[in-house]
PDB file of N, CA and C in Angstrom:
ATOM      1  N   MET A   1      -0.153  26.311 -37.829  1.00  0.00           N
ATOM      2  CA  MET A   1      -1.009  27.331 -38.394  1.00  0.00           C
ATOM      3  C   MET A   1      -0.482  27.670 -39.789  1.00  0.00           C
ATOM      4  N   SER A   2      -1.351  27.599 -40.771  1.00  0.00           N
ATOM      5  CA  SER A   2      -0.926  27.809 -42.146  1.00  0.00           C
ATOM      6  C   SER A   2      -0.926  29.298 -42.501  1.00  0.00           C
ATOM      7  N   ASP A   3      -0.361  29.586 -43.643  1.00  0.00           N
ATOM      8  CA  ASP A   3      -0.313  30.965 -44.111  1.00  0.00           C
ATOM      9  C   ASP A   3      -1.711  31.530 -44.351  1.00  0.00           C
ATOM     10  N   ALA A   4      -2.594  30.719 -44.880  1.00  0.00           N
ATOM     11  CA  ALA A   4      -3.962  31.170 -45.160  1.00  0.00           C
ATOM     12  C   ALA A   4      -4.692  31.526 -43.866  1.00  0.00           C
ATOM     13  N   GLU A   5      -4.476  30.758 -42.815  1.00  0.00           N
ATOM     14  CA  GLU A   5      -5.116  31.050 -41.524  1.00  0.00           C
ATOM     15  C   GLU A   5      -4.586  32.355 -40.935  1.00  0.00           C
ATOM     16  N   ILE A   6      -3.295  32.592 -41.079  1.00  0.00           N
ATOM     17  CA  ILE A   6      -2.700  33.825 -40.571  1.00  0.00           C
ATOM     18  C   ILE A   6      -3.244  35.034 -41.331  1.00  0.00           C
ATOM     19  N   ILE A   7      -3.335  34.920 -42.646  1.00  0.00           N
ATOM     20  CA  ILE A   7      -3.863  36.021 -43.456  1.00  0.00           C
ATOM     21  C   ILE A   7      -5.331  36.266 -43.128  1.00  0.00           C
ATOM     22  N   ASP A   8      -6.110  35.188 -42.948  1.00  0.00           N
ATOM     23  CA  ASP A   8      -7.520  35.333 -42.602  1.00  0.00           C
ATOM     24  C   ASP A   8      -7.686  35.978 -41.235  1.00  0.00           C
ATOM     25  N   LEU A   9      -6.862  35.589 -40.279  1.00  0.00           N
ATOM     26  CA  LEU A   9      -6.916  36.191 -38.951  1.00  0.00           C
ATOM     27  C   LEU A   9      -6.546  37.670 -39.004  1.00  0.00           C
ATOM     28  N   GLY A  10      -5.527  38.008 -39.769  1.00  0.00           N
ATOM     29  CA  GLY A  10      -5.141  39.411 -39.919  1.00  0.00           C
ATOM     30  C   GLY A  10      -6.224  40.241 -40.584  1.00  0.00           C
ATOM     31  N   ARG A  11      -6.859  39.666 -41.617  1.00  0.00           N
ATOM     32  CA  ARG A  11      -7.952  40.366 -42.299  1.00  0.00           C
ATOM     33  C   ARG A  11      -9.114  40.611 -41.349  1.00  0.00           C
ATOM     34  N   GLU A  12      -9.459  39.590 -40.570  1.00  0.00           N
ATOM     35  CA  GLU A  12     -10.565  39.746 -39.622  1.00  0.00           C
ATOM     36  C   GLU A  12     -10.221  40.754 -38.521  1.00  0.00           C
ATOM     37  N   ALA A  13      -8.968  40.781 -38.085  1.00  0.00           N
ATOM     38  CA  ALA A  13      -8.552  41.746 -37.069  1.00  0.00           C
ATOM     39  C   ALA A  13      -8.618  43.178 -37.604  1.00  0.00           C
ATOM     40  N   VAL A  14      -8.203  43.369 -38.854  1.00  0.00           N
ATOM     41  CA  VAL A  14      -8.267  44.703 -39.457  1.00  0.00           C
ATOM     42  C   VAL A  14      -9.712  45.144 -39.642  1.00  0.00           C
ATOM     43  N   MET A  15     -10.581  44.231 -40.064  1.00  0.00           N
ATOM     44  CA  MET A  15     -11.999  44.570 -40.221  1.00  0.00           C
ATOM     45  C   MET A  15     -12.634  44.911 -38.876  1.00  0.00           C
ATOM     46  N   THR A  16     -12.262  44.196 -37.835  1.00  0.00           N
ATOM     47  CA  THR A  16     -12.782  44.492 -36.495  1.00  0.00           C
ATOM     48  C   THR A  16     -12.299  45.861 -36.035  1.00  0.00           C
ATOM     49  N   ALA A  17     -11.042  46.166 -36.268  1.00  0.00           N
ATOM     50  CA  ALA A  17     -10.510  47.473 -35.890  1.00  0.00           C
ATOM     51  C   ALA A  17     -11.211  48.591 -36.655  1.00  0.00           C
ATOM     52  N   ALA A  18     -11.493  48.371 -37.936  1.00  0.00           N
ATOM     53  CA  ALA A  18     -12.194  49.381 -38.729  1.00  0.00           C
ATOM     54  C   ALA A  18     -13.615  49.586 -38.228  1.00  0.00           C
ATOM     55  N   MET A  19     -14.282  48.494 -37.859  1.00  0.00           N
ATOM     56  CA  MET A  19     -15.642  48.618 -37.346  1.00  0.00           C
ATOM     57  C   MET A  19     -15.663  49.292 -35.978  1.00  0.00           C
ATOM     58  N   MET A  20     -14.614  49.086 -35.190  1.00  0.00           N
ATOM     59  CA  MET A  20     -14.529  49.749 -33.887  1.00  0.00           C
ATOM     60  C   MET A  20     -14.269  51.243 -34.038  1.00  0.00           C
ATOM     61  N   ALA A  21     -13.492  51.617 -35.037  1.00  0.00           N
ATOM     62  CA  ALA A  21     -13.136  53.023 -35.232  1.00  0.00           C
ATOM     63  C   ALA A  21     -14.201  53.801 -35.993  1.00  0.00           C
ATOM     64  N   ALA A  22     -15.086  53.111 -36.706  1.00  0.00           N
ATOM     65  CA  ALA A  22     -16.054  53.777 -37.578  1.00  0.00           C
ATOM     66  C   ALA A  22     -16.949  54.791 -36.863  1.00  0.00           C
ATOM     67  N   PRO A  23     -17.541  54.484 -35.706  1.00  0.00           N
ATOM     68  CA  PRO A  23     -18.407  55.494 -35.076  1.00  0.00           C
ATOM     69  C   PRO A  23     -17.670  56.791 -34.743  1.00  0.00           C
ATOM     70  N   LEU A  24     -16.447  56.678 -34.259  1.00  0.00           N
ATOM     71  CA  LEU A  24     -15.686  57.878 -33.912  1.00  0.00           C
ATOM     72  C   LEU A  24     -15.263  58.657 -35.153  1.00  0.00           C
ATOM     73  N   LEU A  25     -14.854  57.946 -36.188  1.00  0.00           N
ATOM     74  CA  LEU A  25     -14.432  58.627 -37.407  1.00  0.00           C
ATOM     75  C   LEU A  25     -15.594  59.309 -38.111  1.00  0.00           C
ATOM     76  N   ILE A  26     -16.738  58.661 -38.137  1.00  0.00           N
ATOM     77  CA  ILE A  26     -17.921  59.266 -38.757  1.00  0.00           C
ATOM     78  C   ILE A  26     -18.359  60.495 -37.970  1.00  0.00           C
ATOM     79  N   THR A  27     -18.299  60.408 -36.651  1.00  0.00           N
ATOM     80  CA  THR A  27     -18.646  61.560 -35.810  1.00  0.00           C
ATOM     81  C   THR A  27     -17.701  62.725 -36.053  1.00  0.00           C
ATOM     82  N   ALA A  28     -16.410  62.455 -36.127  1.00  0.00           N
ATOM     83  CA  ALA A  28     -15.443  63.519 -36.390  1.00  0.00           C
ATOM     84  C   ALA A  28     -15.673  64.145 -37.758  1.00  0.00           C
ATOM     85  N   LEU A  29     -16.011  63.320 -38.742  1.00  0.00           N
ATOM     86  CA  LEU A  29     -16.276  63.835 -40.082  1.00  0.00           C
ATOM     87  C   LEU A  29     -17.497  64.746 -40.092  1.00  0.00           C
ATOM     88  N   ILE A  30     -18.583  64.295 -39.500  1.00  0.00           N
ATOM     89  CA  ILE A  30     -19.814  65.091 -39.484  1.00  0.00           C
ATOM     90  C   ILE A  30     -19.625  66.368 -38.682  1.00  0.00           C
ATOM     91  N   ALA A  31     -18.996  66.255 -37.505  1.00  0.00           N
ATOM     92  CA  ALA A  31     -18.764  67.450 -36.683  1.00  0.00           C
ATOM     93  C   ALA A  31     -17.852  68.433 -37.421  1.00  0.00           C
ATOM     94  N   GLY A  32     -16.837  67.953 -38.090  1.00  0.00           N
ATOM     95  CA  GLY A  32     -15.942  68.826 -38.840  1.00  0.00           C
ATOM     96  C   GLY A  32     -16.652  69.540 -39.975  1.00  0.00           C
ATOM     97  N   LEU A  33     -17.531  68.812 -40.674  1.00  0.00           N
ATOM     98  CA  LEU A  33     -18.286  69.441 -41.763  1.00  0.00           C
ATOM     99  C   LEU A  33     -19.242  70.508 -41.247  1.00  0.00           C
ATOM    100  N   VAL A  34     -19.952  70.209 -40.166  1.00  0.00           N
ATOM    101  CA  VAL A  34     -20.899  71.176 -39.609  1.00  0.00           C
ATOM    102  C   VAL A  34     -20.171  72.412 -39.088  1.00  0.00           C
ATOM    103  N   ILE A  35     -19.087  72.216 -38.375  1.00  0.00           N
ATOM    104  CA  ILE A  35     -18.338  73.347 -37.830  1.00  0.00           C
ATOM    105  C   ILE A  35     -17.696  74.152 -38.954  1.00  0.00           C
ATOM    106  N   GLY A  36     -17.174  73.462 -39.962  1.00  0.00           N
ATOM    107  CA  GLY A  36     -16.601  74.168 -41.111  1.00  0.00           C
ATOM    108  C   GLY A  36     -17.632  74.998 -41.846  1.00  0.00           C
ATOM    109  N   LEU A  37     -18.830  74.461 -41.977  1.00  0.00           N
ATOM    110  CA  LEU A  37     -19.912  75.220 -42.611  1.00  0.00           C
ATOM    111  C   LEU A  37     -20.283  76.447 -41.786  1.00  0.00           C
ATOM    112  N   LEU A  38     -20.373  76.264 -40.467  1.00  0.00           N
ATOM    113  CA  LEU A  38     -20.679  77.408 -39.596  1.00  0.00           C
ATOM    114  C   LEU A  38     -19.577  78.462 -39.638  1.00  0.00           C
ATOM    115  N   GLN A  39     -18.337  78.020 -39.705  1.00  0.00           N
ATOM    116  CA  GLN A  39     -17.232  78.972 -39.791  1.00  0.00           C
ATOM    117  C   GLN A  39     -17.258  79.722 -41.116  1.00  0.00           C
ATOM    118  N   ALA A  40     -17.605  79.032 -42.183  1.00  0.00           N
ATOM    119  CA  ALA A  40     -17.667  79.698 -43.483  1.00  0.00           C
ATOM    120  C   ALA A  40     -18.825  80.698 -43.523  1.00  0.00           C
ATOM    121  N   LEU A  41     -19.925  80.352 -42.881  1.00  0.00           N
ATOM    122  CA  LEU A  41     -21.079  81.263 -42.875  1.00  0.00           C
ATOM    123  C   LEU A  41     -20.851  82.494 -42.019  1.00  0.00           C
ATOM    124  N   THR A  42     -20.128  82.334 -40.913  1.00  0.00           N
ATOM    125  CA  THR A  42     -19.927  83.448 -39.986  1.00  0.00           C
ATOM    126  C   THR A  42     -18.578  84.141 -40.159  1.00  0.00           C
ATOM    127  N   SER A  43     -17.707  83.601 -40.993  1.00  0.00           N
ATOM    128  CA  SER A  43     -16.360  84.140 -41.222  1.00  0.00           C
ATOM    129  C   SER A  43     -15.513  84.191 -39.954  1.00  0.00           C
ATOM    130  N   VAL A  44     -15.782  83.278 -39.026  1.00  0.00           N
ATOM    131  CA  VAL A  44     -14.985  83.168 -37.804  1.00  0.00           C
ATOM    132  C   VAL A  44     -13.998  82.023 -38.013  1.00  0.00           C
ATOM    133  N   GLN A  45     -12.721  82.309 -38.012  1.00  0.00           N
ATOM    134  CA  GLN A  45     -11.694  81.297 -38.245  1.00  0.00           C
ATOM    135  C   GLN A  45     -10.877  81.097 -36.973  1.00  0.00           C
ATOM    136  N   GLU A  46     -11.457  80.403 -36.033  1.00  0.00           N
ATOM    137  CA  GLU A  46     -10.799  80.132 -34.754  1.00  0.00           C
ATOM    138  C   GLU A  46     -10.487  78.637 -34.680  1.00  0.00           C
ATOM    139  N   LEU A  47      -9.240  78.289 -34.367  1.00  0.00           N
ATOM    140  CA  LEU A  47      -8.815  76.899 -34.351  1.00  0.00           C
ATOM    141  C   LEU A  47      -9.495  76.113 -33.232  1.00  0.00           C
ATOM    142  N   THR A  48      -9.619  76.716 -32.063  1.00  0.00           N
ATOM    143  CA  THR A  48     -10.246  76.002 -30.953  1.00  0.00           C
ATOM    144  C   THR A  48     -11.728  75.777 -31.195  1.00  0.00           C
ATOM    145  N   LEU A  49     -12.340  76.573 -32.039  1.00  0.00           N
ATOM    146  CA  LEU A  49     -13.748  76.395 -32.359  1.00  0.00           C
ATOM    147  C   LEU A  49     -13.976  75.084 -33.101  1.00  0.00           C
ATOM    148  N   THR A  50     -12.995  74.605 -33.837  1.00  0.00           N
ATOM    149  CA  THR A  50     -13.142  73.326 -34.522  1.00  0.00           C
ATOM    150  C   THR A  50     -12.744  72.154 -33.629  1.00  0.00           C
ATOM    151  N   PHE A  51     -11.780  72.365 -32.759  1.00  0.00           N
ATOM    152  CA  PHE A  51     -11.231  71.266 -31.973  1.00  0.00           C
ATOM    153  C   PHE A  51     -12.140  70.844 -30.820  1.00  0.00           C
ATOM    154  N   VAL A  52     -12.577  71.786 -30.022  1.00  0.00           N
ATOM    155  CA  VAL A  52     -13.325  71.470 -28.799  1.00  0.00           C
ATOM    156  C   VAL A  52     -14.667  70.793 -29.091  1.00  0.00           C
ATOM    157  N   PRO A  53     -15.506  71.310 -29.976  1.00  0.00           N
ATOM    158  CA  PRO A  53     -16.772  70.603 -30.236  1.00  0.00           C
ATOM    159  C   PRO A  53     -16.576  69.219 -30.863  1.00  0.00           C
ATOM    160  N   LYS A  54     -15.547  69.075 -31.687  1.00  0.00           N
ATOM    161  CA  LYS A  54     -15.280  67.781 -32.308  1.00  0.00           C
ATOM    162  C   LYS A  54     -14.874  66.757 -31.244  1.00  0.00           C
ATOM    163  N   VAL A  55     -14.028  67.152 -30.322  1.00  0.00           N
ATOM    164  CA  VAL A  55     -13.613  66.243 -29.253  1.00  0.00           C
ATOM    165  C   VAL A  55     -14.795  65.929 -28.339  1.00  0.00           C
ATOM    166  N   ALA A  56     -15.620  66.923 -28.036  1.00  0.00           N
ATOM    167  CA  ALA A  56     -16.787  66.687 -27.195  1.00  0.00           C
ATOM    168  C   ALA A  56     -17.754  65.709 -27.860  1.00  0.00           C
ATOM    169  N   ALA A  57     -17.995  65.877 -29.142  1.00  0.00           N
ATOM    170  CA  ALA A  57     -18.887  64.965 -29.866  1.00  0.00           C
ATOM    171  C   ALA A  57     -18.311  63.551 -29.894  1.00  0.00           C
ATOM    172  N   MET A  58     -17.011  63.450 -30.080  1.00  0.00           N
ATOM    173  CA  MET A  58     -16.385  62.133 -30.115  1.00  0.00           C
ATOM    174  C   MET A  58     -16.438  61.452 -28.750  1.00  0.00           C
ATOM    175  N   LEU A  59     -16.279  62.213 -27.674  1.00  0.00           N
ATOM    176  CA  LEU A  59     -16.390  61.630 -26.332  1.00  0.00           C
ATOM    177  C   LEU A  59     -17.802  61.127 -26.062  1.00  0.00           C
ATOM    178  N   ILE A  60     -18.796  61.872 -26.500  1.00  0.00           N
ATOM    179  CA  ILE A  60     -20.182  61.437 -26.318  1.00  0.00           C
ATOM    180  C   ILE A  60     -20.449  60.155 -27.092  1.00  0.00           C
ATOM    181  N   VAL A  61     -20.024  60.121 -28.351  1.00  0.00           N
ATOM    182  CA  VAL A  61     -20.241  58.923 -29.167  1.00  0.00           C
ATOM    183  C   VAL A  61     -19.442  57.747 -28.616  1.00  0.00           C
ATOM    184  N   PHE A  62     -18.240  58.005 -28.114  1.00  0.00           N
ATOM    185  CA  PHE A  62     -17.449  56.922 -27.532  1.00  0.00           C
ATOM    186  C   PHE A  62     -18.141  56.331 -26.314  1.00  0.00           C
ATOM    187  N   SER A  63     -18.709  57.199 -25.454  1.00  0.00           N
ATOM    188  CA  SER A  63     -19.379  56.682 -24.263  1.00  0.00           C
ATOM    189  C   SER A  63     -20.623  55.884 -24.634  1.00  0.00           C
ATOM    190  N   ILE A  64     -21.286  56.257 -25.718  1.00  0.00           N
ATOM    191  CA  ILE A  64     -22.474  55.528 -26.162  1.00  0.00           C
ATOM    192  C   ILE A  64     -22.088  54.207 -26.837  1.00  0.00           C
ATOM    193  N   SER A  65     -21.052  54.217 -27.643  1.00  0.00           N
ATOM    194  CA  SER A  65     -20.709  53.032 -28.434  1.00  0.00           C
ATOM    195  C   SER A  65     -19.613  52.164 -27.820  1.00  0.00           C
ATOM    196  N   ALA A  66     -19.212  52.427 -26.599  1.00  0.00           N
ATOM    197  CA  ALA A  66     -18.145  51.642 -25.977  1.00  0.00           C
ATOM    198  C   ALA A  66     -18.542  50.175 -25.823  1.00  0.00           C
ATOM    199  N   SER A  67     -19.789  49.905 -25.451  1.00  0.00           N
ATOM    200  CA  SER A  67     -20.208  48.509 -25.297  1.00  0.00           C
ATOM    201  C   SER A  67     -20.195  47.781 -26.636  1.00  0.00           C
ATOM    202  N   PHE A  68     -20.551  48.480 -27.718  1.00  0.00           N
ATOM    203  CA  PHE A  68     -20.485  47.903 -29.057  1.00  0.00           C
ATOM    204  C   PHE A  68     -19.041  47.548 -29.415  1.00  0.00           C
ATOM    205  N   MET A  69     -18.117  48.450 -29.111  1.00  0.00           N
ATOM    206  CA  MET A  69     -16.706  48.216 -29.428  1.00  0.00           C
ATOM    207  C   MET A  69     -16.141  47.050 -28.620  1.00  0.00           C
ATOM    208  N   VAL A  70     -16.483  46.994 -27.347  1.00  0.00           N
ATOM    209  CA  VAL A  70     -16.009  45.890 -26.506  1.00  0.00           C
ATOM    210  C   VAL A  70     -16.589  44.573 -26.997  1.00  0.00           C
ATOM    211  N   GLY A  71     -17.854  44.577 -27.403  1.00  0.00           N
ATOM    212  CA  GLY A  71     -18.472  43.362 -27.931  1.00  0.00           C
ATOM    213  C   GLY A  71     -17.775  42.856 -29.180  1.00  0.00           C
ATOM    214  N   LEU A  72     -17.413  43.776 -30.075  1.00  0.00           N
ATOM    215  CA  LEU A  72     -16.681  43.375 -31.278  1.00  0.00           C
ATOM    216  C   LEU A  72     -15.330  42.753 -30.931  1.00  0.00           C
ATOM    217  N   CYS A  73     -14.637  43.388 -30.009  1.00  0.00           N
ATOM    218  CA  CYS A  73     -13.315  42.890 -29.616  1.00  0.00           C
ATOM    219  C   CYS A  73     -13.423  41.528 -28.935  1.00  0.00           C
ATOM    220  N   LEU A  74     -14.402  41.377 -28.049  1.00  0.00           N
ATOM    221  CA  LEU A  74     -14.584  40.093 -27.371  1.00  0.00           C
ATOM    222  C   LEU A  74     -14.993  38.996 -28.342  1.00  0.00           C
ATOM    223  N   ARG A  75     -15.826  39.329 -29.324  1.00  0.00           N
ATOM    224  CA  ARG A  75     -16.229  38.343 -30.313  1.00  0.00           C
ATOM    225  C   ARG A  75     -15.015  37.856 -31.118  1.00  0.00           C
ATOM    226  N   LEU A  76     -14.141  38.782 -31.491  1.00  0.00           N
ATOM    227  CA  LEU A  76     -12.934  38.387 -32.217  1.00  0.00           C
ATOM    228  C   LEU A  76     -12.074  37.462 -31.370  1.00  0.00           C
ATOM    229  N   PHE A  77     -11.892  37.804 -30.101  1.00  0.00           N
ATOM    230  CA  PHE A  77     -11.051  36.982 -29.241  1.00  0.00           C
ATOM    231  C   PHE A  77     -11.700  35.641 -28.950  1.00  0.00           C
ATOM    232  N   ASP A  78     -13.020  35.619 -28.706  1.00  0.00           N
ATOM    233  CA  ASP A  78     -13.701  34.360 -28.404  1.00  0.00           C
ATOM    234  C   ASP A  78     -13.729  33.409 -29.587  1.00  0.00           C
ATOM    235  N   THR A  79     -13.909  33.949 -30.787  1.00  0.00           N
ATOM    236  CA  THR A  79     -14.056  33.074 -31.945  1.00  0.00           C
ATOM    237  C   THR A  79     -12.739  32.758 -32.651  1.00  0.00           C
ATOM    238  N   ARG A  80     -11.752  33.643 -32.574  1.00  0.00           N
ATOM    239  CA  ARG A  80     -10.534  33.448 -33.367  1.00  0.00           C
ATOM    240  C   ARG A  80      -9.256  33.286 -32.544  1.00  0.00           C
ATOM    241  N   ILE A  81      -9.029  34.169 -31.577  1.00  0.00           N
ATOM    242  CA  ILE A  81      -7.732  34.186 -30.877  1.00  0.00           C
ATOM    243  C   ILE A  81      -7.627  33.091 -29.817  1.00  0.00           C
ATOM    244  N   ILE A  82      -8.617  32.996 -28.935  1.00  0.00           N
ATOM    245  CA  ILE A  82      -8.553  32.025 -27.841  1.00  0.00           C
ATOM    246  C   ILE A  82      -8.505  30.582 -28.342  1.00  0.00           C
ATOM    247  N   PRO A  83      -9.293  30.212 -29.392  1.00  0.00           N
ATOM    248  CA  PRO A  83      -9.127  28.831 -29.884  1.00  0.00           C
ATOM    249  C   PRO A  83      -7.719  28.520 -30.417  1.00  0.00           C
ATOM    250  N   LEU A  84      -7.022  29.518 -30.902  1.00  0.00           N
ATOM    251  CA  LEU A  84      -5.649  29.286 -31.362  1.00  0.00           C
ATOM    252  C   LEU A  84      -4.699  29.065 -30.197  1.00  0.00           C
ATOM    253  N   ILE A  85      -4.976  29.712 -29.083  1.00  0.00           N
ATOM    254  CA  ILE A  85      -4.096  29.579 -27.912  1.00  0.00           C
ATOM    255  C   ILE A  85      -4.314  28.246 -27.231  1.00  0.00           C
ATOM    256  N   GLY A  86      -5.588  27.889 -27.045  1.00  0.00           N
ATOM    257  CA  GLY A  86      -5.925  26.693 -26.270  1.00  0.00           C
ATOM    258  C   GLY A  86      -6.016  25.449 -27.002  1.00  0.00           C
TER     259      GLY A  86
END
């Protein structure tokens, strides 16, 4: 296995990891912005008010996008990792 193949495999693995994390990170960003806006409008500064809804939103998005994430991971293994092993 050459250096170029190793770098290409690492790049593809990082891109797959970023695509797997994107739905959760975008959800956390949007939920944080909405909750922060509501806190600024109501002047309520409670730490649990930001944490609990953000985690709940992320769990919902994770349950919806889990099949997408597994598909990405399986595609990486089927096309790149397993041919290197076998």
